[in-house]
Every structure is written in structure tokens, then in C-alpha cells.
Amino acid sequence: IGLGSASFLPDDGETFSNVRGDLLSLGSVLFEMFSGRCPYKKDDDNNSPDRKENQRKTLISQNQLISMLTARVPLPLAKLILNLMEVEGLTPCYQSARDVHGEL
């Protein structure tokens, strides 16, 4: 049974609350579901098993994220997904699933 991609899990080294990490993961999953691409850069420089677990995941450029989403989904939904992913330059930062529900 496939369990999905670990690229959507928040980094352990960062201080994400469980809710914030869950919302970030939800945004990442929705992004890949609608765009067909993982929103994170692949870092092939460090291939050692120890480094893979501790790698910091970096989003691809903001312009690429926006163009990939707006080409496939309505703008309000694209904004919601990017806000869930906490893309720089966007103001709303959801604190709970209730906040996301209110936005929908």
C-alpha cells in the first residue's frame, strides 16, 4: 500500500504546530493534485541517507507556483492553496481548519 510522498511532511527542525503543519501539508497535496507537480525543489546535491531525512524543503519560485495553479484552477482556489502553503507575499495565514472552511 502506497502511503504517499514524504515531501509533504513539515520539517521536524522547524517549529510548526501540529495544526499549522497539517494545513501546510494540505496545501502541498492540493497543489500537486491540481498542478500535477510537487511544489518543492528537488535537492540532488546531498544523496546520503542521513542528509535526506534532515533536508530543508524549499518551494519552487513563487512565480512558477502561481502560474502552474492559475492555469488549472480558478483564482480564488489558487489563492487558498498558496495561502495554505504559506507562500511569501500572501497575507492570510490560516490558524485552523475552521479558518480554511470560512474561506471556502
N, C-alpha and C. Protein backbone atom coordinates (compact mmCIF):
# COMPACT_ATOMS: atom_id res chain seq x y z
N ILE A 1 0.85 -1.17 0.00
CA ILE A 1 0.00 0.00 0.00
C ILE A 1 0.89 1.22 0.00
N GLY A 2 0.67 2.10 -0.94
CA GLY A 2 1.43 3.34 -1.00
C GLY A 2 0.91 4.34 0.01
N LEU A 3 1.81 4.99 0.69
CA LEU A 3 1.41 5.96 1.71
C LEU A 3 1.62 7.39 1.26
N GLY A 4 1.92 7.62 0.00
CA GLY A 4 2.10 8.99 -0.48
C GLY A 4 3.54 9.43 -0.39
N SER A 5 3.71 10.72 -0.48
CA SER A 5 5.04 11.29 -0.54
C SER A 5 5.41 11.97 0.77
N ALA A 6 6.60 11.70 1.24
CA ALA A 6 7.07 12.34 2.46
C ALA A 6 7.44 13.80 2.21
N SER A 7 7.43 14.25 0.96
CA SER A 7 7.78 15.64 0.68
C SER A 7 6.73 16.60 1.21
N PHE A 8 5.57 16.09 1.61
CA PHE A 8 4.51 16.96 2.12
C PHE A 8 4.57 17.10 3.64
N LEU A 9 5.46 16.37 4.27
CA LEU A 9 5.55 16.46 5.72
C LEU A 9 6.37 17.67 6.11
N PRO A 10 5.94 18.43 7.11
CA PRO A 10 6.74 19.58 7.54
C PRO A 10 8.06 19.12 8.15
N ASP A 11 9.07 19.98 8.04
CA ASP A 11 10.38 19.66 8.61
C ASP A 11 10.28 19.57 10.12
N ASP A 12 10.96 18.58 10.70
CA ASP A 12 10.96 18.41 12.15
C ASP A 12 11.75 19.52 12.83
N GLY A 13 12.73 20.08 12.15
CA GLY A 13 13.56 21.11 12.75
C GLY A 13 12.86 22.44 12.92
N GLU A 14 11.77 22.65 12.23
CA GLU A 14 11.06 23.91 12.33
C GLU A 14 9.99 23.80 13.39
N THR A 15 9.56 24.94 13.90
CA THR A 15 8.59 24.94 15.00
C THR A 15 7.18 25.10 14.48
N PHE A 16 6.70 24.11 13.75
CA PHE A 16 5.33 24.11 13.28
C PHE A 16 4.45 23.50 14.36
N SER A 17 3.33 24.11 14.61
CA SER A 17 2.35 23.43 15.46
C SER A 17 1.76 22.30 14.63
N ASN A 18 1.11 21.36 15.27
CA ASN A 18 0.50 20.26 14.52
C ASN A 18 -0.51 20.77 13.51
N VAL A 19 -1.33 21.73 13.90
CA VAL A 19 -2.36 22.26 13.00
C VAL A 19 -1.72 22.98 11.84
N ARG A 20 -0.75 23.82 12.11
CA ARG A 20 -0.09 24.58 11.04
C ARG A 20 0.61 23.62 10.07
N GLY A 21 1.26 22.61 10.59
CA GLY A 21 1.91 21.61 9.73
C GLY A 21 0.91 20.85 8.89
N ASP A 22 -0.24 20.51 9.49
CA ASP A 22 -1.29 19.82 8.74
C ASP A 22 -1.83 20.69 7.62
N LEU A 23 -2.03 21.98 7.89
CA LEU A 23 -2.54 22.88 6.86
C LEU A 23 -1.52 23.08 5.75
N LEU A 24 -0.25 23.16 6.11
CA LEU A 24 0.81 23.28 5.12
C LEU A 24 0.84 22.04 4.23
N SER A 25 0.71 20.87 4.84
CA SER A 25 0.69 19.62 4.07
C SER A 25 -0.53 19.55 3.17
N LEU A 26 -1.68 20.01 3.67
CA LEU A 26 -2.90 20.03 2.86
C LEU A 26 -2.70 20.91 1.63
N GLY A 27 -2.11 22.08 1.81
CA GLY A 27 -1.83 22.95 0.67
C GLY A 27 -0.92 22.30 -0.35
N SER A 28 0.10 21.60 0.14
CA SER A 28 1.03 20.92 -0.76
C SER A 28 0.35 19.80 -1.54
N VAL A 29 -0.50 19.05 -0.86
CA VAL A 29 -1.23 17.96 -1.52
C VAL A 29 -2.19 18.52 -2.57
N LEU A 30 -2.91 19.58 -2.21
CA LEU A 30 -3.84 20.20 -3.17
C LEU A 30 -3.08 20.76 -4.37
N PHE A 31 -1.92 21.36 -4.11
CA PHE A 31 -1.12 21.89 -5.22
C PHE A 31 -0.76 20.79 -6.19
N GLU A 32 -0.25 19.67 -5.66
CA GLU A 32 0.15 18.58 -6.56
C GLU A 32 -1.06 17.95 -7.24
N MET A 33 -2.16 17.87 -6.53
CA MET A 33 -3.37 17.29 -7.11
C MET A 33 -3.85 18.10 -8.32
N PHE A 34 -3.81 19.43 -8.21
CA PHE A 34 -4.31 20.27 -9.30
C PHE A 34 -3.27 20.57 -10.37
N SER A 35 -2.00 20.65 -9.99
CA SER A 35 -0.97 21.02 -10.98
C SER A 35 -0.25 19.82 -11.56
N GLY A 36 -0.25 18.71 -10.83
CA GLY A 36 0.47 17.53 -11.31
C GLY A 36 1.96 17.56 -10.99
N ARG A 37 2.41 18.57 -10.24
CA ARG A 37 3.82 18.69 -9.89
C ARG A 37 4.00 18.90 -8.40
N CYS A 38 5.08 18.41 -7.88
CA CYS A 38 5.43 18.64 -6.48
C CYS A 38 5.86 20.10 -6.33
N PRO A 39 5.38 20.80 -5.30
CA PRO A 39 5.72 22.21 -5.15
C PRO A 39 7.10 22.47 -4.59
N TYR A 40 7.87 21.43 -4.31
CA TYR A 40 9.18 21.60 -3.70
C TYR A 40 10.29 21.33 -4.69
N LYS A 41 11.40 22.06 -4.54
CA LYS A 41 12.59 21.82 -5.36
C LYS A 41 13.20 20.50 -4.96
N LYS A 42 13.76 19.82 -5.93
CA LYS A 42 14.48 18.59 -5.64
C LYS A 42 15.93 18.97 -5.39
N ASP A 43 16.47 18.54 -4.27
CA ASP A 43 17.86 18.82 -3.93
C ASP A 43 18.65 17.54 -4.11
N ASP A 44 19.32 17.43 -5.26
CA ASP A 44 20.08 16.21 -5.58
C ASP A 44 21.53 16.30 -5.14
N ASP A 45 21.91 17.44 -4.52
CA ASP A 45 23.31 17.61 -4.13
C ASP A 45 23.71 16.66 -3.00
N ASN A 46 22.80 16.41 -2.10
CA ASN A 46 23.11 15.58 -0.93
C ASN A 46 22.32 14.29 -1.01
N ASN A 47 22.97 13.22 -1.46
CA ASN A 47 22.28 11.95 -1.65
C ASN A 47 22.49 10.98 -0.51
N SER A 48 23.23 11.35 0.51
CA SER A 48 23.47 10.42 1.61
C SER A 48 22.18 10.22 2.40
N PRO A 49 21.94 9.01 2.91
CA PRO A 49 20.70 8.73 3.64
C PRO A 49 20.51 9.62 4.85
N ASP A 50 21.59 9.96 5.56
CA ASP A 50 21.47 10.81 6.75
C ASP A 50 21.00 12.20 6.39
N ARG A 51 21.47 12.75 5.29
CA ARG A 51 21.12 14.11 4.88
C ARG A 51 19.70 14.18 4.33
N LYS A 52 19.21 13.10 3.71
CA LYS A 52 17.87 13.14 3.13
C LYS A 52 16.81 13.37 4.18
N GLU A 53 16.96 12.78 5.34
CA GLU A 53 15.96 12.94 6.39
C GLU A 53 15.94 14.36 6.95
N ASN A 54 17.08 15.05 6.94
CA ASN A 54 17.18 16.36 7.56
C ASN A 54 17.16 17.51 6.55
N GLN A 55 16.93 17.21 5.29
CA GLN A 55 16.93 18.26 4.28
C GLN A 55 15.80 19.24 4.49
N ARG A 56 16.08 20.49 4.27
CA ARG A 56 15.05 21.51 4.32
C ARG A 56 14.37 21.53 2.96
N LYS A 57 13.06 21.49 2.97
CA LYS A 57 12.30 21.50 1.73
C LYS A 57 12.07 22.94 1.31
N THR A 58 12.39 23.27 0.06
CA THR A 58 12.26 24.62 -0.43
C THR A 58 11.24 24.64 -1.56
N LEU A 59 10.30 25.57 -1.47
CA LEU A 59 9.30 25.70 -2.53
C LEU A 59 9.96 26.18 -3.81
N ILE A 60 9.41 25.78 -4.95
CA ILE A 60 9.87 26.34 -6.22
C ILE A 60 9.49 27.82 -6.23
N SER A 61 9.90 28.56 -7.20
CA SER A 61 9.70 30.02 -7.19
C SER A 61 8.21 30.39 -7.12
N GLN A 62 7.96 31.51 -6.49
CA GLN A 62 6.58 31.98 -6.32
C GLN A 62 5.90 32.16 -7.67
N ASN A 63 6.60 32.68 -8.66
CA ASN A 63 6.01 32.87 -9.99
C ASN A 63 5.61 31.55 -10.63
N GLN A 64 6.44 30.53 -10.46
CA GLN A 64 6.11 29.21 -11.01
C GLN A 64 4.90 28.62 -10.31
N LEU A 65 4.85 28.74 -8.99
CA LEU A 65 3.71 28.22 -8.24
C LEU A 65 2.41 28.86 -8.72
N ILE A 66 2.43 30.18 -8.83
CA ILE A 66 1.23 30.91 -9.24
C ILE A 66 0.82 30.55 -10.66
N SER A 67 1.77 30.53 -11.58
CA SER A 67 1.41 30.25 -12.98
C SER A 67 0.91 28.83 -13.17
N MET A 68 1.49 27.87 -12.45
CA MET A 68 1.03 26.48 -12.59
C MET A 68 -0.39 26.31 -12.06
N LEU A 69 -0.70 26.98 -10.97
CA LEU A 69 -2.05 26.84 -10.39
C LEU A 69 -3.10 27.62 -11.16
N THR A 70 -2.82 28.88 -11.49
CA THR A 70 -3.84 29.70 -12.13
C THR A 70 -4.17 29.21 -13.54
N ALA A 71 -3.29 28.42 -14.11
CA ALA A 71 -3.58 27.84 -15.44
C ALA A 71 -4.61 26.71 -15.33
N ARG A 72 -4.81 26.17 -14.13
CA ARG A 72 -5.66 24.99 -13.99
C ARG A 72 -6.86 25.16 -13.06
N VAL A 73 -6.82 26.13 -12.17
CA VAL A 73 -7.91 26.30 -11.21
C VAL A 73 -8.33 27.77 -11.15
N PRO A 74 -9.54 28.04 -10.71
CA PRO A 74 -9.97 29.43 -10.56
C PRO A 74 -9.07 30.18 -9.57
N LEU A 75 -8.91 31.48 -9.78
CA LEU A 75 -8.01 32.29 -8.97
C LEU A 75 -8.30 32.21 -7.47
N PRO A 76 -9.56 32.27 -7.01
CA PRO A 76 -9.79 32.17 -5.56
C PRO A 76 -9.28 30.86 -4.95
N LEU A 77 -9.43 29.75 -5.67
CA LEU A 77 -8.94 28.47 -5.18
C LEU A 77 -7.41 28.45 -5.19
N ALA A 78 -6.81 29.02 -6.23
CA ALA A 78 -5.34 29.10 -6.29
C ALA A 78 -4.80 29.90 -5.11
N LYS A 79 -5.45 31.01 -4.78
CA LYS A 79 -5.02 31.83 -3.64
C LYS A 79 -5.12 31.04 -2.34
N LEU A 80 -6.21 30.30 -2.16
CA LEU A 80 -6.39 29.50 -0.96
C LEU A 80 -5.27 28.48 -0.82
N ILE A 81 -4.95 27.79 -1.90
CA ILE A 81 -3.89 26.77 -1.87
C ILE A 81 -2.55 27.40 -1.55
N LEU A 82 -2.24 28.52 -2.20
CA LEU A 82 -0.96 29.19 -1.95
C LEU A 82 -0.89 29.72 -0.53
N ASN A 83 -2.01 30.19 0.01
CA ASN A 83 -2.04 30.64 1.40
C ASN A 83 -1.81 29.47 2.36
N LEU A 84 -2.40 28.32 2.06
CA LEU A 84 -2.17 27.14 2.88
C LEU A 84 -0.68 26.76 2.88
N MET A 85 -0.03 26.95 1.75
CA MET A 85 1.39 26.62 1.63
C MET A 85 2.28 27.71 2.19
N GLU A 86 1.69 28.80 2.66
CA GLU A 86 2.41 29.93 3.24
C GLU A 86 3.45 30.50 2.28
N VAL A 87 3.03 30.70 1.03
CA VAL A 87 3.90 31.30 0.04
C VAL A 87 4.14 32.76 0.43
N GLU A 88 5.37 33.21 0.32
CA GLU A 88 5.73 34.58 0.69
C GLU A 88 4.95 35.59 -0.13
N GLY A 89 4.60 36.69 0.51
CA GLY A 89 3.89 37.76 -0.18
C GLY A 89 2.38 37.68 -0.07
N LEU A 90 1.88 36.59 0.45
CA LEU A 90 0.44 36.45 0.63
C LEU A 90 0.13 36.61 2.11
N THR A 91 -0.87 37.41 2.43
CA THR A 91 -1.10 37.77 3.82
C THR A 91 -1.80 36.74 4.70
N PRO A 92 -2.89 36.12 4.28
CA PRO A 92 -3.58 35.23 5.22
C PRO A 92 -2.72 34.03 5.63
N CYS A 93 -2.71 33.78 6.89
CA CYS A 93 -2.05 32.59 7.42
C CYS A 93 -3.09 31.89 8.28
N TYR A 94 -3.58 30.78 7.80
CA TYR A 94 -4.66 30.09 8.49
C TYR A 94 -4.16 29.47 9.79
N GLN A 95 -4.94 29.63 10.84
CA GLN A 95 -4.59 29.08 12.15
C GLN A 95 -5.34 27.79 12.45
N SER A 96 -6.40 27.51 11.69
CA SER A 96 -7.19 26.30 11.95
C SER A 96 -7.93 25.89 10.69
N ALA A 97 -8.47 24.69 10.72
CA ALA A 97 -9.28 24.21 9.61
C ALA A 97 -10.55 25.05 9.51
N ARG A 98 -11.00 25.58 10.61
CA ARG A 98 -12.20 26.44 10.60
C ARG A 98 -11.94 27.70 9.76
N ASP A 99 -10.72 28.26 9.85
CA ASP A 99 -10.37 29.42 9.03
C ASP A 99 -10.43 29.07 7.54
N VAL A 100 -9.94 27.89 7.18
CA VAL A 100 -9.96 27.44 5.79
C VAL A 100 -11.41 27.23 5.35
N HIS A 101 -12.21 26.62 6.20
CA HIS A 101 -13.62 26.40 5.90
C HIS A 101 -14.32 27.73 5.65
N GLY A 102 -14.03 28.73 6.47
CA GLY A 102 -14.64 30.05 6.28
C GLY A 102 -14.24 30.68 4.95
N GLU A 103 -13.02 30.44 4.53
CA GLU A 103 -12.53 30.97 3.25
C GLU A 103 -13.21 30.28 2.08
N LEU A 104 -13.49 28.99 2.24
CA LEU A 104 -14.15 28.25 1.15
C LEU A 104 -15.58 28.73 1.00
